[in-house]
Structure formats: C-alpha cells, structure tokens
Protein backbone atom coordinates (compact mmCIF):
# COMPACT_ATOMS: atom_id res chain seq x y z
CA UNK A 1 -0.03 -0.11 -0.14
CA UNK A 2 2.70 2.45 1.22
CA UNK A 3 4.89 1.75 -2.59
CA UNK A 4 1.47 2.53 -3.96
CA UNK A 5 1.12 5.64 -2.47
CA UNK A 6 4.44 6.73 -3.17
CA UNK A 7 3.52 5.53 -6.91
CA UNK A 8 0.81 8.19 -6.71
CA UNK A 9 2.97 11.20 -5.38
CA UNK A 10 5.28 10.32 -8.62
CA UNK A 11 2.35 10.44 -11.38
CA UNK A 12 0.70 13.37 -9.36
CA UNK A 13 4.32 15.11 -9.21
CA UNK A 14 4.71 14.49 -12.71
CA UNK A 15 1.03 15.65 -14.16
CA UNK A 16 1.80 18.88 -12.35
CA UNK A 17 4.99 19.76 -14.91
CA UNK A 18 2.65 21.96 -16.95
CA UNK A 19 1.95 23.89 -13.70
CA UNK A 20 4.97 24.09 -11.55
CA UNK A 21 7.58 24.49 -15.09
CA UNK A 22 7.97 22.24 -17.67
CA UNK A 23 11.44 20.90 -16.66
CA UNK A 24 11.41 17.68 -18.55
CA UNK A 25 11.18 15.49 -15.61
CA UNK A 26 7.78 13.80 -16.12
CA UNK A 27 10.26 12.01 -19.09
CA UNK A 28 10.40 8.08 -18.48
CA UNK A 29 14.09 8.53 -18.11
CA UNK A 30 13.63 10.72 -14.65
CA UNK A 31 10.07 9.23 -13.79
CA UNK A 32 12.45 5.40 -14.42
CA UNK A 33 14.66 6.76 -11.71
CA UNK A 34 12.38 7.84 -9.04
CA UNK A 35 9.94 3.98 -9.23
CA UNK A 36 13.71 2.59 -8.73
CA UNK A 37 13.94 4.36 -5.67
CA UNK A 38 10.33 3.55 -4.43
CA UNK A 39 11.14 0.43 -5.39
CA UNK A 40 14.19 -0.36 -4.06
CA UNK A 41 16.11 -0.85 -7.16
CA UNK A 42 17.08 2.19 -8.59
CA UNK A 43 19.75 0.44 -10.77
CA UNK A 44 16.52 -1.72 -12.79
CA UNK A 45 14.21 1.69 -12.55
CA UNK A 46 17.39 3.30 -14.76
CA UNK A 47 17.91 0.75 -17.10
CA UNK A 48 14.29 0.56 -18.30
CA UNK A 49 13.62 4.23 -18.15
CA UNK A 50 16.17 4.93 -20.87
CA UNK A 51 15.13 1.99 -22.87
CA UNK A 52 11.19 3.33 -22.66
CA UNK A 53 13.41 6.87 -23.15
CA UNK A 54 14.86 5.63 -26.03
CA UNK A 55 11.69 3.93 -27.38
CA UNK A 56 9.63 7.35 -26.84
CA UNK A 57 12.22 10.37 -27.52
CA UNK A 58 10.63 11.72 -30.41
CA UNK A 59 7.27 11.47 -29.20
CA UNK A 60 5.56 14.82 -28.55
CA UNK A 61 2.39 16.82 -28.66
CA UNK A 62 1.62 18.42 -31.93
CA UNK A 63 -1.07 20.46 -32.33
CA UNK A 64 -4.40 18.63 -31.23
CA UNK A 65 -2.46 15.04 -32.29
CA UNK A 66 -2.36 13.57 -28.68
CA UNK A 67 0.80 10.71 -28.59
CA UNK A 68 0.23 7.87 -26.07
CA UNK A 69 -0.11 8.70 -22.61
CA UNK A 70 3.93 8.37 -21.78
CA UNK A 71 3.29 9.46 -18.67
CA UNK A 72 1.36 6.93 -17.27
CA UNK A 73 2.70 4.48 -19.54
CA UNK A 74 6.67 4.66 -18.41
CA UNK A 75 5.98 4.80 -14.63
CA UNK A 76 3.37 1.67 -15.04
CA UNK A 77 5.74 0.24 -17.33
CA UNK A 78 9.18 0.94 -15.57
CA UNK A 79 6.60 -0.58 -12.00
CA UNK A 80 5.38 -3.57 -13.22
CA UNK A 81 8.50 -4.63 -15.05
CA UNK A 82 10.55 -4.12 -11.62
CA UNK A 83 8.28 -6.14 -9.92
CA UNK A 84 7.18 -9.20 -11.77
CA UNK A 85 10.98 -9.65 -12.81
CA UNK A 86 10.81 -8.99 -15.78
CA UNK A 87 13.07 -6.78 -17.50
CA UNK A 88 12.71 -4.40 -20.32
CA UNK A 89 11.23 -6.34 -22.25
CA UNK A 90 7.95 -6.73 -20.58
CA UNK A 91 8.37 -2.95 -19.74
CA UNK A 92 8.31 -1.83 -23.63
CA UNK A 93 5.48 -4.40 -24.64
CA UNK A 94 3.64 -3.07 -21.80
CA UNK A 95 4.14 0.36 -22.15
CA UNK A 96 1.96 1.45 -25.05
CA UNK A 97 -1.23 -0.30 -24.42
CA UNK A 98 -0.82 1.14 -21.15
CA UNK A 99 -0.42 4.74 -22.60
CA UNK A 100 -2.74 4.41 -25.36
CA UNK A 101 -5.44 3.75 -22.54
CA UNK A 102 -4.52 6.22 -20.38
CA UNK A 103 -4.73 8.81 -23.68
CA UNK A 104 -7.99 7.95 -23.50
CA UNK A 105 -8.37 8.65 -20.00
CA UNK A 106 -7.05 12.29 -20.59
CA UNK A 107 -9.26 12.66 -23.45
CA UNK A 108 -12.43 12.31 -21.34
CA UNK A 109 -11.21 14.16 -18.58
CA UNK A 110 -10.15 17.18 -20.82
CA UNK A 111 -13.63 17.02 -22.82
CA UNK A 112 -16.07 15.99 -20.23
CA UNK A 113 -15.09 16.69 -16.65
CA UNK A 114 -12.46 19.62 -16.82
CA UNK A 115 -15.17 21.52 -19.86
CA UNK A 116 -17.83 21.42 -16.90
CA UNK A 117 -16.03 23.63 -15.20
CA UNK A 118 -16.08 26.10 -18.00
CA UNK A 119 -20.06 26.62 -17.33
CA UNK A 120 -19.72 27.64 -14.30
CA UNK A 121 -16.61 30.26 -14.16
CA UNK A 122 -19.06 31.83 -16.80
CA UNK A 123 -21.74 31.41 -14.38
CA UNK A 124 -19.30 33.25 -11.66
CA UNK A 125 -17.94 36.04 -14.75
CA UNK A 126 -21.96 37.07 -15.01
CA UNK A 127 -22.06 37.66 -11.43
CA UNK A 128 -18.28 39.87 -11.50
CA UNK A 129 -17.46 37.41 -8.56
CA UNK A 130 -13.42 37.36 -10.13
CA UNK A 131 -12.81 34.88 -7.09
CA UNK A 132 -15.21 32.07 -8.18
CA UNK A 133 -13.31 32.53 -11.51
CA UNK A 134 -10.22 31.94 -10.14
CA UNK A 135 -11.06 29.16 -8.31
CA UNK A 136 -12.63 27.10 -10.83
CA UNK A 137 -9.44 27.82 -13.13
CA UNK A 138 -7.08 26.07 -9.93
CA UNK A 139 -9.73 23.51 -9.11
CA UNK A 140 -9.68 22.59 -12.90
CA UNK A 141 -5.58 22.80 -13.15
CA UNK A 142 -5.37 20.43 -10.23
CA UNK A 143 -8.00 17.66 -11.09
CA UNK A 144 -6.42 16.53 -13.53
CA UNK A 145 -3.22 15.21 -12.30
CA UNK A 146 -5.51 13.99 -9.12
CA UNK A 147 -7.04 12.34 -11.12
CA UNK A 148 -4.51 10.56 -13.15
CA UNK A 149 -2.42 9.87 -9.84
CA UNK A 150 -4.94 7.75 -8.19
CA UNK A 151 -5.41 5.85 -10.85
CA UNK A 152 -1.67 5.77 -11.60
CA UNK A 153 -1.64 4.15 -7.53
CA UNK A 154 -4.85 2.27 -7.98
CA UNK A 155 -3.96 0.01 -10.82
CA UNK A 156 -0.10 -0.38 -9.28
CA UNK A 157 -1.63 -2.04 -6.64
CA UNK A 158 -4.14 -3.77 -8.13
CA UNK A 159 -1.85 -4.64 -10.97
CA UNK A 160 1.25 -6.13 -9.50
CA UNK A 161 0.01 -9.86 -9.24
CA UNK A 162 -2.29 -10.02 -12.10
CA UNK A 163 0.47 -8.58 -14.69
CA UNK A 164 3.16 -11.14 -12.98
CA UNK A 165 0.26 -13.76 -13.31
CA UNK A 166 -0.12 -12.31 -17.26
CA UNK A 167 3.41 -12.51 -18.57
CA UNK A 168 3.30 -16.19 -16.83
CA UNK A 169 0.97 -17.20 -19.58
CA UNK A 170 2.65 -15.88 -22.12
CA UNK A 171 4.27 -18.51 -24.67
CA UNK A 172 7.47 -18.81 -25.01
CA UNK A 173 7.05 -17.28 -28.94
CA UNK A 174 5.31 -14.29 -28.08
CA UNK A 175 7.88 -13.26 -25.48
CA UNK A 176 10.52 -13.57 -28.27
CA UNK A 177 8.50 -11.69 -30.20
CA UNK A 178 8.54 -8.71 -27.67
CA UNK A 179 11.69 -9.06 -27.69
CA UNK A 180 12.76 -7.78 -30.72
CA UNK A 181 9.94 -5.25 -31.79
CA UNK A 182 11.56 -4.00 -27.92
CA UNK A 183 15.42 -3.65 -29.88
CA UNK A 184 13.78 -1.93 -32.96
CA UNK A 185 11.63 0.83 -30.86
CA UNK A 186 14.94 2.72 -29.86
CA UNK A 187 16.12 3.00 -33.21
CA UNK A 188 12.43 4.30 -34.53
CA UNK A 189 12.28 6.62 -31.62
CA UNK A 190 16.10 7.66 -32.57
CA UNK A 191 14.32 8.40 -36.40
CA UNK A 192 11.52 10.76 -35.21
CA UNK A 193 13.97 12.73 -32.92
CA UNK A 194 16.14 12.76 -36.24
CA UNK A 195 13.51 14.16 -38.46
CA UNK A 196 11.97 16.96 -36.34
CA UNK A 197 15.45 18.04 -35.42
CA UNK A 198 18.12 17.36 -38.15
CA UNK A 199 18.38 20.14 -40.27
CA UNK A 200 21.28 22.62 -42.68
CA UNK A 201 21.99 23.99 -39.75
CA UNK A 202 22.61 21.12 -36.75
CA UNK A 203 24.07 18.82 -39.07
CA UNK A 204 27.97 20.01 -39.44
CA UNK A 205 27.17 19.27 -35.47
CA UNK A 206 25.66 16.04 -35.38
CA UNK A 207 28.71 14.68 -37.48
CA UNK A 208 31.17 16.66 -35.80
CA UNK A 209 30.43 14.56 -32.93
CA UNK A 210 30.31 11.42 -34.31
CA UNK A 211 33.86 11.97 -36.36
CA UNK A 212 34.94 12.67 -32.23
CA UNK A 213 33.79 10.02 -31.06
CA UNK A 214 35.46 7.75 -34.03
CA UNK A 215 38.60 8.59 -34.33
CA UNK A 216 39.44 10.97 -30.83
CA UNK A 217 38.06 7.87 -28.50
CA UNK A 218 36.17 10.66 -26.06
CA UNK A 219 33.48 9.13 -24.37
CA UNK A 220 29.99 10.63 -24.27
CA UNK A 221 29.99 12.57 -21.54
CA UNK A 222 32.88 14.42 -22.75
CA UNK A 223 30.74 15.43 -25.65
CA UNK A 224 27.84 16.25 -23.57
CA UNK A 225 29.93 18.75 -22.21
CA UNK A 226 31.87 19.96 -25.77
CA UNK A 227 28.04 20.16 -27.41
CA UNK A 228 27.27 22.50 -24.10
CA UNK A 229 30.04 24.24 -24.11
CA UNK A 230 29.89 24.88 -28.38
CA UNK A 231 25.83 25.80 -27.58
CA UNK A 232 26.85 28.12 -25.47
CA UNK A 233 28.90 30.22 -27.35
CA UNK A 234 26.59 29.60 -30.63
CA UNK A 235 23.81 31.37 -27.93
CA UNK A 236 25.91 33.46 -26.75
CA UNK A 237 27.22 35.08 -30.32
CA UNK A 238 23.58 35.43 -31.66
CA UNK A 239 22.54 36.76 -28.92
CA UNK A 240 25.03 39.82 -29.45
CA UNK A 241 24.73 39.98 -32.80
CA UNK A 242 21.00 40.29 -32.70
CA UNK A 243 21.88 43.40 -29.59
CA UNK A 244 24.52 44.82 -32.14
CA UNK A 245 22.76 44.50 -35.41
CA UNK A 246 19.42 45.54 -34.11
CA UNK A 247 17.45 48.85 -33.82
CA UNK A 248 14.68 50.51 -31.70
CA UNK A 249 12.37 48.98 -34.13
CA UNK A 250 13.57 45.26 -32.97
CA UNK A 251 12.55 45.31 -29.09
C-alpha cells in the first residue's frame, strides 16, 4: 500500500509538470529513477527508464494530435517490470497499451470533466465574482493530475500480481516477439527525433560529434560537455549579433 501511495505521488508530480514549470522530469528516464527508488531497485529503474526513453524520445504533442500518454506508461511500465522481475522487454511491451489507455482517459477528463468547469466559471463571471472564476481555474488545473495519480496508484496496487500472472502465461514465441520489437523501438524513437531536429544548420554538429567519438575516442559524456560549450558559444554570439545589429524598432 505504501509503495502504491508513493507511485501515485510520483504520478501527481509528473502530471503537475506543466503547472510547476516544464523541466522534462516527466520523461521515462526520470520517472524510471523515481520508481526505482520507491521500489528499492534504482539500477533497474534507470535501465528500464532509459530504454523507454529511447523508444519514445521523439514522442511529443503537436497541435491537436496527442501521442500515447508516456507519463502513465513510463511509470507503470517500469513499476510492473521491476515488481515482476521481467526486465526491459516486458516494460516496453506493457508501456504502449498502458499509455494508449491512459490517453483515452485523459481525453475524457479534458473533454467532459474539465469542460464542465467552464460553465460554472462563466456563471461566476456574469456575477462579477472574480474569486469564483479563479477558484474554478485552480480546481480545473488540479483535477487532471489528481485523477490520474489516483488511477496510477490504484492500477499499481491491483495490477502487480495480475501482470505477473499474465506474463507467466505468455508463450515463449510471443516473448521472443516482444524482445525483437523492443530492439526496434529505440531505433524508431531516434528516427522520429532525427526527423524533427536535423536541419542544414545542425547536421554539421552531428557529424562533428560522430567524428570526435570515432577518431578521438572521447566518451559520450565528454562529447556532451563539448556540445554544451559549443551551444553556449553559439547562443551567446547569436544574441550579441542581434543586439549589435538591431535597432529600436526591433524591440
């Protein structure tokens, strides 16, 4: 029960991300660490979270097109994989259906439950009750993270033994299929990321990092540190050029 409550608190923190200031801590690589801490297996939490992050690294919301809810999928996928001892493959296999189901619930909360607060807020506005309008805004904001966190905690509390029993019934050929699919998902995630981010201005930096890693044998952490320095220099120089080349009409 205590673990289920803590898992629900992680979900609440994650779903409050937009309200508290979006800092990417809702990604699977971060939630995997938090779930690992709660369940007493930080190593597996990091491994599973990083694997899920690779698979869904290019998953973002674009306009009205909403991707599967990787927040719930990442938390429960990691939690079930750790509690059942089934590893990364099962986490990847469980994450997508869980995330898709959570997306359906999210759309229901947004379109039905939170939408009902608009009418109440309008009624307060007609009366000139600004505090009532503000109260509806706060209630509407908290409704989604509270409901989803309760759902995540409840599913974890009920789902662990059920998921373990289900995994034990899966034939070997299906498990092998999951393993093959999980090996492909990271490549798909990177392909989605490359499609969105690689431009003619960024491609030279990509090949520069590849050449440094190949011929200078510098570790990934070292390359990341070099990239941070280059990013700072480019951003700083770009800002300086805007200030020097701008005019009063530009601001």
